[in-house]
Amino acid sequence: MKRILDIGNCGPDHGSLKRFFTGNFDCVLDQADSAADALPKLRDTAYDLVVVNRKLDIDYTDGLDIIRQIKADEQLSSTPVMLITNYPEHQDAAEQAGALRGFGKLELQSSETIERVKSALGE
C-alpha cells in the first residue's frame, strides 16, 4: 500500500483528493497543514508521494516554498513531490524547483492525471 502526504489543502479539497487517490490507487492519504506540520511527518514516515497545494489553506503560504524545503533536505530530497494547481506557469516553476509535473483540482479525474500519479507512485 502506498502512502501519500497532502500538504496545505482545506478539508473539502482534502476530501476530494482522498476520494481521487483511494479510488484510483491502493493508498493511504495523510494530511498536513503547513511546513511545520509536514516536515516532521516526512522525516518520521516513508511517503511514496507528496502533493502540495499552490497556496496553503492555513496561511496562504506559497506551496513552492515547501517544495524547495523538501528538495533542499538531504533526507527528503528523493521523495517525489507534485504541486496541485491549475496554472501551467506554477507547474513549470514547481518542476524547476525539483517537483514532478503535478495537476490541478479541475483535472482530478482525467486519465492524464491518473497516469501522471501512477508514474509518480512507480506503478
PDB file of N, CA and C in Angstrom:
ATOM      1  N   MET A   1       0.847  -1.181   0.000  1.00  0.00           N
ATOM      2  CA  MET A   1       0.000   0.000   0.000  1.00  0.00           C
ATOM      3  C   MET A   1       0.891   1.242   0.000  1.00  0.00           C
ATOM      4  N   LYS A   2       0.579   2.189  -0.876  1.00  0.00           N
ATOM      5  CA  LYS A   2       1.340   3.432  -0.987  1.00  0.00           C
ATOM      6  C   LYS A   2       0.861   4.422   0.073  1.00  0.00           C
ATOM      7  N   ARG A   3       1.764   5.333   0.437  1.00  0.00           N
ATOM      8  CA  ARG A   3       1.430   6.359   1.428  1.00  0.00           C
ATOM      9  C   ARG A   3       1.714   7.724   0.799  1.00  0.00           C
ATOM     10  N   ILE A   4       0.716   8.600   0.837  1.00  0.00           N
ATOM     11  CA  ILE A   4       0.795   9.924   0.218  1.00  0.00           C
ATOM     12  C   ILE A   4       0.518  10.969   1.280  1.00  0.00           C
ATOM     13  N   LEU A   5       1.260  12.079   1.222  1.00  0.00           N
ATOM     14  CA  LEU A   5       1.028  13.198   2.132  1.00  0.00           C
ATOM     15  C   LEU A   5       0.483  14.376   1.347  1.00  0.00           C
ATOM     16  N   ASP A   6      -0.650  14.882   1.774  1.00  0.00           N
ATOM     17  CA  ASP A   6      -1.298  16.068   1.199  1.00  0.00           C
ATOM     18  C   ASP A   6      -0.976  17.254   2.096  1.00  0.00           C
ATOM     19  N   ILE A   7      -0.334  18.278   1.536  1.00  0.00           N
ATOM     20  CA  ILE A   7       0.045  19.454   2.315  1.00  0.00           C
ATOM     21  C   ILE A   7      -0.736  20.675   1.842  1.00  0.00           C
ATOM     22  N   GLY A   8      -1.441  21.309   2.772  1.00  0.00           N
ATOM     23  CA  GLY A   8      -1.997  22.633   2.543  1.00  0.00           C
ATOM     24  C   GLY A   8      -3.388  22.733   1.973  1.00  0.00           C
ATOM     25  N   ASN A   9      -4.106  21.634   1.850  1.00  0.00           N
ATOM     26  CA  ASN A   9      -5.465  21.717   1.316  1.00  0.00           C
ATOM     27  C   ASN A   9      -6.491  21.839   2.439  1.00  0.00           C
ATOM     28  N   CYS A  10      -7.575  22.555   2.161  1.00  0.00           N
ATOM     29  CA  CYS A  10      -8.663  22.688   3.127  1.00  0.00           C
ATOM     30  C   CYS A  10      -9.383  21.347   3.257  1.00  0.00           C
ATOM     31  N   GLY A  11     -10.242  21.229   4.243  1.00  0.00           N
ATOM     32  CA  GLY A  11     -10.970  19.988   4.496  1.00  0.00           C
ATOM     33  C   GLY A  11     -11.716  19.446   3.290  1.00  0.00           C
ATOM     34  N   PRO A  12     -12.551  20.267   2.628  1.00  0.00           N
ATOM     35  CA  PRO A  12     -13.283  19.750   1.469  1.00  0.00           C
ATOM     36  C   PRO A  12     -12.365  19.305   0.325  1.00  0.00           C
ATOM     37  N   ASP A  13     -11.298  20.078   0.064  1.00  0.00           N
ATOM     38  CA  ASP A  13     -10.374  19.684  -1.006  1.00  0.00           C
ATOM     39  C   ASP A  13      -9.607  18.423  -0.625  1.00  0.00           C
ATOM     40  N   HIS A  14      -9.233  18.301   0.646  1.00  0.00           N
ATOM     41  CA  HIS A  14      -8.566  17.072   1.096  1.00  0.00           C
ATOM     42  C   HIS A  14      -9.502  15.877   0.891  1.00  0.00           C
ATOM     43  N   GLY A  15     -10.785  16.075   1.171  1.00  0.00           N
ATOM     44  CA  GLY A  15     -11.764  15.009   0.944  1.00  0.00           C
ATOM     45  C   GLY A  15     -11.839  14.603  -0.518  1.00  0.00           C
ATOM     46  N   SER A  16     -11.823  15.586  -1.415  1.00  0.00           N
ATOM     47  CA  SER A  16     -11.834  15.291  -2.857  1.00  0.00           C
ATOM     48  C   SER A  16     -10.575  14.544  -3.273  1.00  0.00           C
ATOM     49  N   LEU A  17      -9.434  14.995  -2.749  1.00  0.00           N
ATOM     50  CA  LEU A  17      -8.174  14.325  -3.061  1.00  0.00           C
ATOM     51  C   LEU A  17      -8.166  12.900  -2.515  1.00  0.00           C
ATOM     52  N   LYS A  18      -8.696  12.735  -1.317  1.00  0.00           N
ATOM     53  CA  LYS A  18      -8.742  11.399  -0.716  1.00  0.00           C
ATOM     54  C   LYS A  18      -9.584  10.463  -1.578  1.00  0.00           C
ATOM     55  N   ARG A  19     -10.729  10.940  -2.046  1.00  0.00           N
ATOM     56  CA  ARG A  19     -11.578  10.119  -2.924  1.00  0.00           C
ATOM     57  C   ARG A  19     -10.837   9.776  -4.219  1.00  0.00           C
ATOM     58  N   PHE A  20     -10.137  10.764  -4.784  1.00  0.00           N
ATOM     59  CA  PHE A  20      -9.381  10.532  -6.013  1.00  0.00           C
ATOM     60  C   PHE A  20      -8.295   9.481  -5.795  1.00  0.00           C
ATOM     61  N   PHE A  21      -7.460   9.702  -4.781  1.00  0.00           N
ATOM     62  CA  PHE A  21      -6.326   8.797  -4.565  1.00  0.00           C
ATOM     63  C   PHE A  21      -6.776   7.391  -4.165  1.00  0.00           C
ATOM     64  N   THR A  22      -7.662   7.287  -3.189  1.00  0.00           N
ATOM     65  CA  THR A  22      -8.066   5.954  -2.728  1.00  0.00           C
ATOM     66  C   THR A  22      -8.973   5.256  -3.740  1.00  0.00           C
ATOM     67  N   GLY A  23      -9.648   6.029  -4.590  1.00  0.00           N
ATOM     68  CA  GLY A  23     -10.484   5.431  -5.623  1.00  0.00           C
ATOM     69  C   GLY A  23      -9.696   4.896  -6.806  1.00  0.00           C
ATOM     70  N   ASN A  24      -8.476   5.410  -6.996  1.00  0.00           N
ATOM     71  CA  ASN A  24      -7.672   5.013  -8.150  1.00  0.00           C
ATOM     72  C   ASN A  24      -6.411   4.226  -7.801  1.00  0.00           C
ATOM     73  N   PHE A  25      -6.015   4.266  -6.532  1.00  0.00           N
ATOM     74  CA  PHE A  25      -4.760   3.638  -6.117  1.00  0.00           C
ATOM     75  C   PHE A  25      -4.937   2.956  -4.764  1.00  0.00           C
ATOM     76  N   ASP A  26      -4.129   1.954  -4.505  1.00  0.00           N
ATOM     77  CA  ASP A  26      -4.116   1.286  -3.205  1.00  0.00           C
ATOM     78  C   ASP A  26      -3.220   2.128  -2.302  1.00  0.00           C
ATOM     79  N   CYS A  27      -3.824   3.073  -1.584  1.00  0.00           N
ATOM     80  CA  CYS A  27      -3.021   4.031  -0.826  1.00  0.00           C
ATOM     81  C   CYS A  27      -3.754   4.571   0.396  1.00  0.00           C
ATOM     82  N   VAL A  28      -2.951   5.226   1.225  1.00  0.00           N
ATOM     83  CA  VAL A  28      -3.446   5.978   2.375  1.00  0.00           C
ATOM     84  C   VAL A  28      -3.042   7.422   2.135  1.00  0.00           C
ATOM     85  N   LEU A  29      -3.934   8.364   2.411  1.00  0.00           N
ATOM     86  CA  LEU A  29      -3.636   9.786   2.240  1.00  0.00           C
ATOM     87  C   LEU A  29      -3.641  10.461   3.602  1.00  0.00           C
ATOM     88  N   ASP A  30      -2.468  10.956   4.007  1.00  0.00           N
ATOM     89  CA  ASP A  30      -2.343  11.717   5.245  1.00  0.00           C
ATOM     90  C   ASP A  30      -2.417  13.200   4.916  1.00  0.00           C
ATOM     91  N   GLN A  31      -2.626  14.015   5.941  1.00  0.00           N
ATOM     92  CA  GLN A  31      -2.775  15.455   5.730  1.00  0.00           C
ATOM     93  C   GLN A  31      -1.851  16.235   6.654  1.00  0.00           C
ATOM     94  N   ALA A  32      -1.304  17.331   6.119  1.00  0.00           N
ATOM     95  CA  ALA A  32      -0.514  18.284   6.897  1.00  0.00           C
ATOM     96  C   ALA A  32      -0.953  19.681   6.485  1.00  0.00           C
ATOM     97  N   ASP A  33      -0.943  20.600   7.446  1.00  0.00           N
ATOM     98  CA  ASP A  33      -1.422  21.954   7.176  1.00  0.00           C
ATOM     99  C   ASP A  33      -0.335  22.917   6.721  1.00  0.00           C
ATOM    100  N   SER A  34       0.909  22.669   7.142  1.00  0.00           N
ATOM    101  CA  SER A  34       1.983  23.642   6.932  1.00  0.00           C
ATOM    102  C   SER A  34       3.316  22.909   6.859  1.00  0.00           C
ATOM    103  N   ALA A  35       4.377  23.665   6.582  1.00  0.00           N
ATOM    104  CA  ALA A  35       5.721  23.069   6.590  1.00  0.00           C
ATOM    105  C   ALA A  35       6.052  22.556   7.981  1.00  0.00           C
ATOM    106  N   ALA A  36       5.690  23.319   8.999  1.00  0.00           N
ATOM    107  CA  ALA A  36       5.979  22.915  10.383  1.00  0.00           C
ATOM    108  C   ALA A  36       5.289  21.598  10.730  1.00  0.00           C
ATOM    109  N   ASP A  37       4.142  21.352  10.144  1.00  0.00           N
ATOM    110  CA  ASP A  37       3.396  20.110  10.349  1.00  0.00           C
ATOM    111  C   ASP A  37       3.935  18.994   9.446  1.00  0.00           C
ATOM    112  N   ALA A  38       4.279  19.344   8.210  1.00  0.00           N
ATOM    113  CA  ALA A  38       4.654  18.346   7.208  1.00  0.00           C
ATOM    114  C   ALA A  38       6.064  17.797   7.372  1.00  0.00           C
ATOM    115  N   LEU A  39       7.032  18.654   7.636  1.00  0.00           N
ATOM    116  CA  LEU A  39       8.426  18.200   7.646  1.00  0.00           C
ATOM    117  C   LEU A  39       8.699  17.107   8.679  1.00  0.00           C
ATOM    118  N   PRO A  40       8.192  17.217   9.921  1.00  0.00           N
ATOM    119  CA  PRO A  40       8.386  16.103  10.860  1.00  0.00           C
ATOM    120  C   PRO A  40       7.713  14.809  10.386  1.00  0.00           C
ATOM    121  N   LYS A  41       6.539  14.922   9.777  1.00  0.00           N
ATOM    122  CA  LYS A  41       5.860  13.728   9.253  1.00  0.00           C
ATOM    123  C   LYS A  41       6.708  13.077   8.165  1.00  0.00           C
ATOM    124  N   LEU A  42       7.292  13.912   7.306  1.00  0.00           N
ATOM    125  CA  LEU A  42       8.120  13.386   6.224  1.00  0.00           C
ATOM    126  C   LEU A  42       9.374  12.696   6.759  1.00  0.00           C
ATOM    127  N   ARG A  43       9.905  13.199   7.863  1.00  0.00           N
ATOM    128  CA  ARG A  43      11.109  12.594   8.445  1.00  0.00           C
ATOM    129  C   ARG A  43      10.788  11.296   9.191  1.00  0.00           C
ATOM    130  N   ASP A  44       9.569  11.199   9.714  1.00  0.00           N
ATOM    131  CA  ASP A  44       9.180  10.037  10.525  1.00  0.00           C
ATOM    132  C   ASP A  44       8.497   8.923   9.732  1.00  0.00           C
ATOM    133  N   THR A  45       7.985   9.236   8.552  1.00  0.00           N
ATOM    134  CA  THR A  45       7.203   8.278   7.766  1.00  0.00           C
ATOM    135  C   THR A  45       7.725   8.250   6.334  1.00  0.00           C
ATOM    136  N   ALA A  46       7.833   7.075   5.767  1.00  0.00           N
ATOM    137  CA  ALA A  46       8.272   6.943   4.371  1.00  0.00           C
ATOM    138  C   ALA A  46       7.070   7.169   3.451  1.00  0.00           C
ATOM    139  N   TYR A  47       7.035   8.331   2.810  1.00  0.00           N
ATOM    140  CA  TYR A  47       5.957   8.639   1.867  1.00  0.00           C
ATOM    141  C   TYR A  47       6.395   8.315   0.449  1.00  0.00           C
ATOM    142  N   ASP A  48       5.456   7.797  -0.327  1.00  0.00           N
ATOM    143  CA  ASP A  48       5.715   7.476  -1.727  1.00  0.00           C
ATOM    144  C   ASP A  48       5.482   8.675  -2.629  1.00  0.00           C
ATOM    145  N   LEU A  49       4.703   9.646  -2.144  1.00  0.00           N
ATOM    146  CA  LEU A  49       4.397  10.848  -2.912  1.00  0.00           C
ATOM    147  C   LEU A  49       3.920  11.928  -1.953  1.00  0.00           C
ATOM    148  N   VAL A  50       4.300  13.167  -2.266  1.00  0.00           N
ATOM    149  CA  VAL A  50       3.813  14.329  -1.526  1.00  0.00           C
ATOM    150  C   VAL A  50       3.128  15.238  -2.533  1.00  0.00           C
ATOM    151  N   VAL A  51       1.921  15.687  -2.219  1.00  0.00           N
ATOM    152  CA  VAL A  51       1.230  16.674  -3.052  1.00  0.00           C
ATOM    153  C   VAL A  51       1.063  17.940  -2.221  1.00  0.00           C
ATOM    154  N   VAL A  52       1.397  19.074  -2.842  1.00  0.00           N
ATOM    155  CA  VAL A  52       1.404  20.351  -2.133  1.00  0.00           C
ATOM    156  C   VAL A  52       0.479  21.318  -2.854  1.00  0.00           C
ATOM    157  N   ASN A  53      -0.438  21.925  -2.121  1.00  0.00           N
ATOM    158  CA  ASN A  53      -1.323  22.926  -2.697  1.00  0.00           C
ATOM    159  C   ASN A  53      -0.515  24.168  -3.068  1.00  0.00           C
ATOM    160  N   ARG A  54      -0.907  24.837  -4.142  1.00  0.00           N
ATOM    161  CA  ARG A  54      -0.175  26.036  -4.575  1.00  0.00           C
ATOM    162  C   ARG A  54      -0.157  27.103  -3.495  1.00  0.00           C
ATOM    163  N   LYS A  55      -1.263  27.290  -2.810  1.00  0.00           N
ATOM    164  CA  LYS A  55      -1.354  28.225  -1.686  1.00  0.00           C
ATOM    165  C   LYS A  55      -1.934  27.456  -0.508  1.00  0.00           C
ATOM    166  N   LEU A  56      -1.191  27.413   0.580  1.00  0.00           N
ATOM    167  CA  LEU A  56      -1.639  26.654   1.746  1.00  0.00           C
ATOM    168  C   LEU A  56      -2.872  27.295   2.366  1.00  0.00           C
ATOM    169  N   ASP A  57      -3.857  26.474   2.648  1.00  0.00           N
ATOM    170  CA  ASP A  57      -5.123  26.960   3.191  1.00  0.00           C
ATOM    171  C   ASP A  57      -4.949  27.665   4.531  1.00  0.00           C
ATOM    172  N   ILE A  58      -4.042  27.184   5.365  1.00  0.00           N
ATOM    173  CA  ILE A  58      -3.919  27.699   6.727  1.00  0.00           C
ATOM    174  C   ILE A  58      -3.455  29.157   6.778  1.00  0.00           C
ATOM    175  N   ASP A  59      -2.520  29.534   5.885  1.00  0.00           N
ATOM    176  CA  ASP A  59      -1.972  30.899   5.960  1.00  0.00           C
ATOM    177  C   ASP A  59      -1.609  31.485   4.596  1.00  0.00           C
ATOM    178  N   TYR A  60      -1.984  30.814   3.544  1.00  0.00           N
ATOM    179  CA  TYR A  60      -1.754  31.237   2.166  1.00  0.00           C
ATOM    180  C   TYR A  60      -0.269  31.293   1.791  1.00  0.00           C
ATOM    181  N   THR A  61       0.562  30.550   2.528  1.00  0.00           N
ATOM    182  CA  THR A  61       1.970  30.403   2.173  1.00  0.00           C
ATOM    183  C   THR A  61       2.066  29.777   0.790  1.00  0.00           C
ATOM    184  N   ASP A  62       3.086  30.145   0.044  1.00  0.00           N
ATOM    185  CA  ASP A  62       3.305  29.590  -1.284  1.00  0.00           C
ATOM    186  C   ASP A  62       3.781  28.145  -1.168  1.00  0.00           C
ATOM    187  N   GLY A  63       3.083  27.231  -1.806  1.00  0.00           N
ATOM    188  CA  GLY A  63       3.452  25.820  -1.780  1.00  0.00           C
ATOM    189  C   GLY A  63       4.834  25.554  -2.359  1.00  0.00           C
ATOM    190  N   LEU A  64       5.286  26.418  -3.267  1.00  0.00           N
ATOM    191  CA  LEU A  64       6.631  26.256  -3.827  1.00  0.00           C
ATOM    192  C   LEU A  64       7.694  26.338  -2.746  1.00  0.00           C
ATOM    193  N   ASP A  65       7.441  27.133  -1.708  1.00  0.00           N
ATOM    194  CA  ASP A  65       8.406  27.239  -0.608  1.00  0.00           C
ATOM    195  C   ASP A  65       8.599  25.885   0.076  1.00  0.00           C
ATOM    196  N   ILE A  66       7.514  25.153   0.267  1.00  0.00           N
ATOM    197  CA  ILE A  66       7.613  23.828   0.894  1.00  0.00           C
ATOM    198  C   ILE A  66       8.326  22.853  -0.036  1.00  0.00           C
ATOM    199  N   ILE A  67       8.025  22.929  -1.322  1.00  0.00           N
ATOM    200  CA  ILE A  67       8.714  22.058  -2.281  1.00  0.00           C
ATOM    201  C   ILE A  67      10.216  22.315  -2.221  1.00  0.00           C
ATOM    202  N   ARG A  68      10.606  23.573  -2.187  1.00  0.00           N
ATOM    203  CA  ARG A  68      12.040  23.906  -2.111  1.00  0.00           C
ATOM    204  C   ARG A  68      12.661  23.367  -0.823  1.00  0.00           C
ATOM    205  N   GLN A  69      11.934  23.471   0.293  1.00  0.00           N
ATOM    206  CA  GLN A  69      12.450  22.944   1.563  1.00  0.00           C
ATOM    207  C   GLN A  69      12.645  21.429   1.495  1.00  0.00           C
ATOM    208  N   ILE A  70      11.684  20.742   0.919  1.00  0.00           N
ATOM    209  CA  ILE A  70      11.781  19.281   0.800  1.00  0.00           C
ATOM    210  C   ILE A  70      12.962  18.911  -0.088  1.00  0.00           C
ATOM    211  N   LYS A  71      13.086  19.570  -1.225  1.00  0.00           N
ATOM    212  CA  LYS A  71      14.140  19.230  -2.181  1.00  0.00           C
ATOM    213  C   LYS A  71      15.527  19.640  -1.687  1.00  0.00           C
ATOM    214  N   ALA A  72      15.609  20.592  -0.766  1.00  0.00           N
ATOM    215  CA  ALA A  72      16.899  21.019  -0.209  1.00  0.00           C
ATOM    216  C   ALA A  72      17.343  20.148   0.962  1.00  0.00           C
ATOM    217  N   ASP A  73      16.448  19.332   1.483  1.00  0.00           N
ATOM    218  CA  ASP A  73      16.740  18.489   2.642  1.00  0.00           C
ATOM    219  C   ASP A  73      17.286  17.141   2.157  1.00  0.00           C
ATOM    220  N   GLU A  74      18.510  16.822   2.546  1.00  0.00           N
ATOM    221  CA  GLU A  74      19.163  15.599   2.073  1.00  0.00           C
ATOM    222  C   GLU A  74      18.341  14.344   2.370  1.00  0.00           C
ATOM    223  N   GLN A  75      17.695  14.301   3.515  1.00  0.00           N
ATOM    224  CA  GLN A  75      16.902  13.131   3.902  1.00  0.00           C
ATOM    225  C   GLN A  75      15.626  13.000   3.067  1.00  0.00           C
ATOM    226  N   LEU A  76      15.088  14.130   2.601  1.00  0.00           N
ATOM    227  CA  LEU A  76      13.781  14.131   1.943  1.00  0.00           C
ATOM    228  C   LEU A  76      13.830  14.341   0.437  1.00  0.00           C
ATOM    229  N   SER A  77      14.958  14.774  -0.082  1.00  0.00           N
ATOM    230  CA  SER A  77      15.032  15.247  -1.468  1.00  0.00           C
ATOM    231  C   SER A  77      14.624  14.213  -2.517  1.00  0.00           C
ATOM    232  N   SER A  78      14.749  12.930  -2.208  1.00  0.00           N
ATOM    233  CA  SER A  78      14.386  11.910  -3.201  1.00  0.00           C
ATOM    234  C   SER A  78      12.889  11.587  -3.205  1.00  0.00           C
ATOM    235  N   THR A  79      12.139  12.139  -2.264  1.00  0.00           N
ATOM    236  CA  THR A  79      10.693  11.898  -2.212  1.00  0.00           C
ATOM    237  C   THR A  79      10.010  12.604  -3.383  1.00  0.00           C
ATOM    238  N   PRO A  80       9.221  11.895  -4.178  1.00  0.00           N
ATOM    239  CA  PRO A  80       8.502  12.551  -5.273  1.00  0.00           C
ATOM    240  C   PRO A  80       7.482  13.563  -4.730  1.00  0.00           C
ATOM    241  N   VAL A  81       7.472  14.743  -5.341  1.00  0.00           N
ATOM    242  CA  VAL A  81       6.579  15.824  -4.925  1.00  0.00           C
ATOM    243  C   VAL A  81       5.871  16.363  -6.159  1.00  0.00           C
ATOM    244  N   MET A  82       4.588  16.691  -6.001  1.00  0.00           N
ATOM    245  CA  MET A  82       3.807  17.329  -7.063  1.00  0.00           C
ATOM    246  C   MET A  82       3.097  18.549  -6.495  1.00  0.00           C
ATOM    247  N   LEU A  83       2.996  19.590  -7.301  1.00  0.00           N
ATOM    248  CA  LEU A  83       2.230  20.776  -6.940  1.00  0.00           C
ATOM    249  C   LEU A  83       0.807  20.605  -7.458  1.00  0.00           C
ATOM    250  N   ILE A  84      -0.155  20.990  -6.637  1.00  0.00           N
ATOM    251  CA  ILE A  84      -1.553  20.973  -7.065  1.00  0.00           C
ATOM    252  C   ILE A  84      -1.946  22.396  -7.440  1.00  0.00           C
ATOM    253  N   THR A  85      -2.100  22.609  -8.729  1.00  0.00           N
ATOM    254  CA  THR A  85      -2.547  23.900  -9.250  1.00  0.00           C
ATOM    255  C   THR A  85      -3.033  23.718 -10.680  1.00  0.00           C
ATOM    256  N   ASN A  86      -3.985  24.543 -11.070  1.00  0.00           N
ATOM    257  CA  ASN A  86      -4.478  24.537 -12.439  1.00  0.00           C
ATOM    258  C   ASN A  86      -3.647  25.432 -13.352  1.00  0.00           C
ATOM    259  N   TYR A  87      -2.684  26.176 -12.785  1.00  0.00           N
ATOM    260  CA  TYR A  87      -1.917  27.155 -13.555  1.00  0.00           C
ATOM    261  C   TYR A  87      -0.625  26.556 -14.101  1.00  0.00           C
ATOM    262  N   PRO A  88      -0.483  26.472 -15.434  1.00  0.00           N
ATOM    263  CA  PRO A  88       0.717  25.869 -16.028  1.00  0.00           C
ATOM    264  C   PRO A  88       2.015  26.573 -15.624  1.00  0.00           C
ATOM    265  N   GLU A  89       1.982  27.889 -15.476  1.00  0.00           N
ATOM    266  CA  GLU A  89       3.209  28.609 -15.117  1.00  0.00           C
ATOM    267  C   GLU A  89       3.694  28.227 -13.716  1.00  0.00           C
ATOM    268  N   HIS A  90       2.778  27.905 -12.824  1.00  0.00           N
ATOM    269  CA  HIS A  90       3.167  27.463 -11.484  1.00  0.00           C
ATOM    270  C   HIS A  90       3.669  26.013 -11.521  1.00  0.00           C
ATOM    271  N   GLN A  91       3.098  25.206 -12.408  1.00  0.00           N
ATOM    272  CA  GLN A  91       3.618  23.844 -12.598  1.00  0.00           C
ATOM    273  C   GLN A  91       5.056  23.907 -13.121  1.00  0.00           C
ATOM    274  N   ASP A  92       5.304  24.825 -14.053  1.00  0.00           N
ATOM    275  CA  ASP A  92       6.660  24.994 -14.589  1.00  0.00           C
ATOM    276  C   ASP A  92       7.631  25.371 -13.472  1.00  0.00           C
ATOM    277  N   ALA A  93       7.231  26.307 -12.619  1.00  0.00           N
ATOM    278  CA  ALA A  93       8.088  26.743 -11.507  1.00  0.00           C
ATOM    279  C   ALA A  93       8.344  25.595 -10.534  1.00  0.00           C
ATOM    280  N   ALA A  94       7.330  24.778 -10.293  1.00  0.00           N
ATOM    281  CA  ALA A  94       7.493  23.633  -9.391  1.00  0.00           C
ATOM    282  C   ALA A  94       8.487  22.631  -9.981  1.00  0.00           C
ATOM    283  N   GLU A  95       8.390  22.403 -11.278  1.00  0.00           N
ATOM    284  CA  GLU A  95       9.343  21.489 -11.924  1.00  0.00           C
ATOM    285  C   GLU A  95      10.766  22.032 -11.822  1.00  0.00           C
ATOM    286  N   GLN A  96      10.917  23.334 -11.997  1.00  0.00           N
ATOM    287  CA  GLN A  96      12.246  23.945 -11.870  1.00  0.00           C
ATOM    288  C   GLN A  96      12.785  23.791 -10.451  1.00  0.00           C
ATOM    289  N   ALA A  97      11.888  23.693  -9.470  1.00  0.00           N
ATOM    290  CA  ALA A  97      12.293  23.523  -8.063  1.00  0.00           C
ATOM    291  C   ALA A  97      12.546  22.054  -7.713  1.00  0.00           C
ATOM    292  N   GLY A  98      12.334  21.152  -8.681  1.00  0.00           N
ATOM    293  CA  GLY A  98      12.622  19.744  -8.442  1.00  0.00           C
ATOM    294  C   GLY A  98      11.411  18.839  -8.320  1.00  0.00           C
ATOM    295  N   ALA A  99      10.218  19.402  -8.457  1.00  0.00           N
ATOM    296  CA  ALA A  99       8.993  18.595  -8.366  1.00  0.00           C
ATOM    297  C   ALA A  99       8.700  17.910  -9.701  1.00  0.00           C
ATOM    298  N   LEU A 100       7.880  16.889  -9.633  1.00  0.00           N
ATOM    299  CA  LEU A 100       7.314  16.294 -10.837  1.00  0.00           C
ATOM    300  C   LEU A 100       6.162  17.181 -11.283  1.00  0.00           C
ATOM    301  N   ARG A 101       5.812  17.120 -12.558  1.00  0.00           N
ATOM    302  CA  ARG A 101       4.667  17.910 -13.016  1.00  0.00           C
ATOM    303  C   ARG A 101       3.421  17.394 -12.308  1.00  0.00           C
ATOM    304  N   GLY A 102       2.702  18.316 -11.674  1.00  0.00           N
ATOM    305  CA  GLY A 102       1.520  17.960 -10.912  1.00  0.00           C
ATOM    306  C   GLY A 102       0.243  18.084 -11.719  1.00  0.00           C
ATOM    307  N   PHE A 103      -0.812  18.464 -11.045  1.00  0.00           N
ATOM    308  CA  PHE A 103      -2.131  18.535 -11.667  1.00  0.00           C
ATOM    309  C   PHE A 103      -2.974  19.549 -10.913  1.00  0.00           C
ATOM    310  N   GLY A 104      -4.051  19.965 -11.554  1.00  0.00           N
ATOM    311  CA  GLY A 104      -4.992  20.871 -10.915  1.00  0.00           C
ATOM    312  C   GLY A 104      -6.208  20.115 -10.415  1.00  0.00           C
ATOM    313  N   LYS A 105      -6.917  20.723  -9.499  1.00  0.00           N
ATOM    314  CA  LYS A 105      -8.113  20.072  -8.944  1.00  0.00           C
ATOM    315  C   LYS A 105      -9.197  19.891 -10.004  1.00  0.00           C
ATOM    316  N   LEU A 106      -9.181  20.740 -11.033  1.00  0.00           N
ATOM    317  CA  LEU A 106     -10.156  20.597 -12.110  1.00  0.00           C
ATOM    318  C   LEU A 106      -9.860  19.374 -12.980  1.00  0.00           C
ATOM    319  N   GLU A 107      -8.633  18.843 -12.877  1.00  0.00           N
ATOM    320  CA  GLU A 107      -8.202  17.711 -13.704  1.00  0.00           C
ATOM    321  C   GLU A 107      -8.198  16.395 -12.935  1.00  0.00           C
ATOM    322  N   LEU A 108      -8.781  16.373 -11.744  1.00  0.00           N
ATOM    323  CA  LEU A 108      -8.651  15.211 -10.865  1.00  0.00           C
ATOM    324  C   LEU A 108      -9.013  13.885 -11.509  1.00  0.00           C
ATOM    325  N   GLN A 109     -10.065  13.828 -12.269  1.00  0.00           N
ATOM    326  CA  GLN A 109     -10.499  12.537 -12.813  1.00  0.00           C
ATOM    327  C   GLN A 109     -10.022  12.285 -14.237  1.00  0.00           C
ATOM    328  N   SER A 110      -9.154  13.150 -14.755  1.00  0.00           N
ATOM    329  CA  SER A 110      -8.692  12.944 -16.128  1.00  0.00           C
ATOM    330  C   SER A 110      -7.736  11.761 -16.191  1.00  0.00           C
ATOM    331  N   SER A 111      -7.737  11.078 -17.322  1.00  0.00           N
ATOM    332  CA  SER A 111      -6.841   9.933 -17.493  1.00  0.00           C
ATOM    333  C   SER A 111      -5.385  10.383 -17.441  1.00  0.00           C
ATOM    334  N   GLU A 112      -5.104  11.596 -17.901  1.00  0.00           N
ATOM    335  CA  GLU A 112      -3.734  12.120 -17.860  1.00  0.00           C
ATOM    336  C   GLU A 112      -3.256  12.267 -16.414  1.00  0.00           C
ATOM    337  N   THR A 113      -4.117  12.777 -15.540  1.00  0.00           N
ATOM    338  CA  THR A 113      -3.748  12.926 -14.128  1.00  0.00           C
ATOM    339  C   THR A 113      -3.531  11.561 -13.486  1.00  0.00           C
ATOM    340  N   ILE A 114      -4.413  10.627 -13.763  1.00  0.00           N
ATOM    341  CA  ILE A 114      -4.271   9.281 -13.203  1.00  0.00           C
ATOM    342  C   ILE A 114      -2.947   8.665 -13.655  1.00  0.00           C
ATOM    343  N   GLU A 115      -2.607   8.802 -14.929  1.00  0.00           N
ATOM    344  CA  GLU A 115      -1.346   8.250 -15.443  1.00  0.00           C
ATOM    345  C   GLU A 115      -0.140   8.962 -14.833  1.00  0.00           C
ATOM    346  N   ARG A 116      -0.238  10.268 -14.657  1.00  0.00           N
ATOM    347  CA  ARG A 116       0.862  11.040 -14.067  1.00  0.00           C
ATOM    348  C   ARG A 116       1.125  10.585 -12.629  1.00  0.00           C
ATOM    349  N   VAL A 117       0.058  10.406 -11.865  1.00  0.00           N
ATOM    350  CA  VAL A 117       0.201   9.959 -10.473  1.00  0.00           C
ATOM    351  C   VAL A 117       0.689   8.513 -10.440  1.00  0.00           C
ATOM    352  N   LYS A 118       0.165   7.692 -11.322  1.00  0.00           N
ATOM    353  CA  LYS A 118       0.596   6.289 -11.392  1.00  0.00           C
ATOM    354  C   LYS A 118       2.106   6.215 -11.619  1.00  0.00           C
ATOM    355  N   SER A 119       2.602   7.028 -12.519  1.00  0.00           N
ATOM    356  CA  SER A 119       4.039   7.072 -12.795  1.00  0.00           C
ATOM    357  C   SER A 119       4.818   7.548 -11.570  1.00  0.00           C
ATOM    358  N   ALA A 120       4.316   8.578 -10.896  1.00  0.00           N
ATOM    359  CA  ALA A 120       4.986   9.112  -9.701  1.00  0.00           C
ATOM    360  C   ALA A 120       5.049   8.069  -8.590  1.00  0.00           C
ATOM    361  N   LEU A 121       4.025   7.238  -8.501  1.00  0.00           N
ATOM    362  CA  LEU A 121       3.975   6.195  -7.474  1.00  0.00           C
ATOM    363  C   LEU A 121       4.756   4.941  -7.873  1.00  0.00           C
ATOM    364  N   GLY A 122       5.270   4.938  -9.097  1.00  0.00           N
ATOM    365  CA  GLY A 122       6.035   3.785  -9.557  1.00  0.00           C
ATOM    366  C   GLY A 122       5.179   2.583  -9.881  1.00  0.00           C
ATOM    367  N   GLU A 123       3.958   2.833 -10.301  1.00  0.00           N
ATOM    368  CA  GLU A 123       3.033   1.726 -10.631  1.00  0.00           C
ATOM    369  C   GLU A 123       2.950   1.516 -12.133  1.00  0.00           C
TER     370      GLU A 123
END
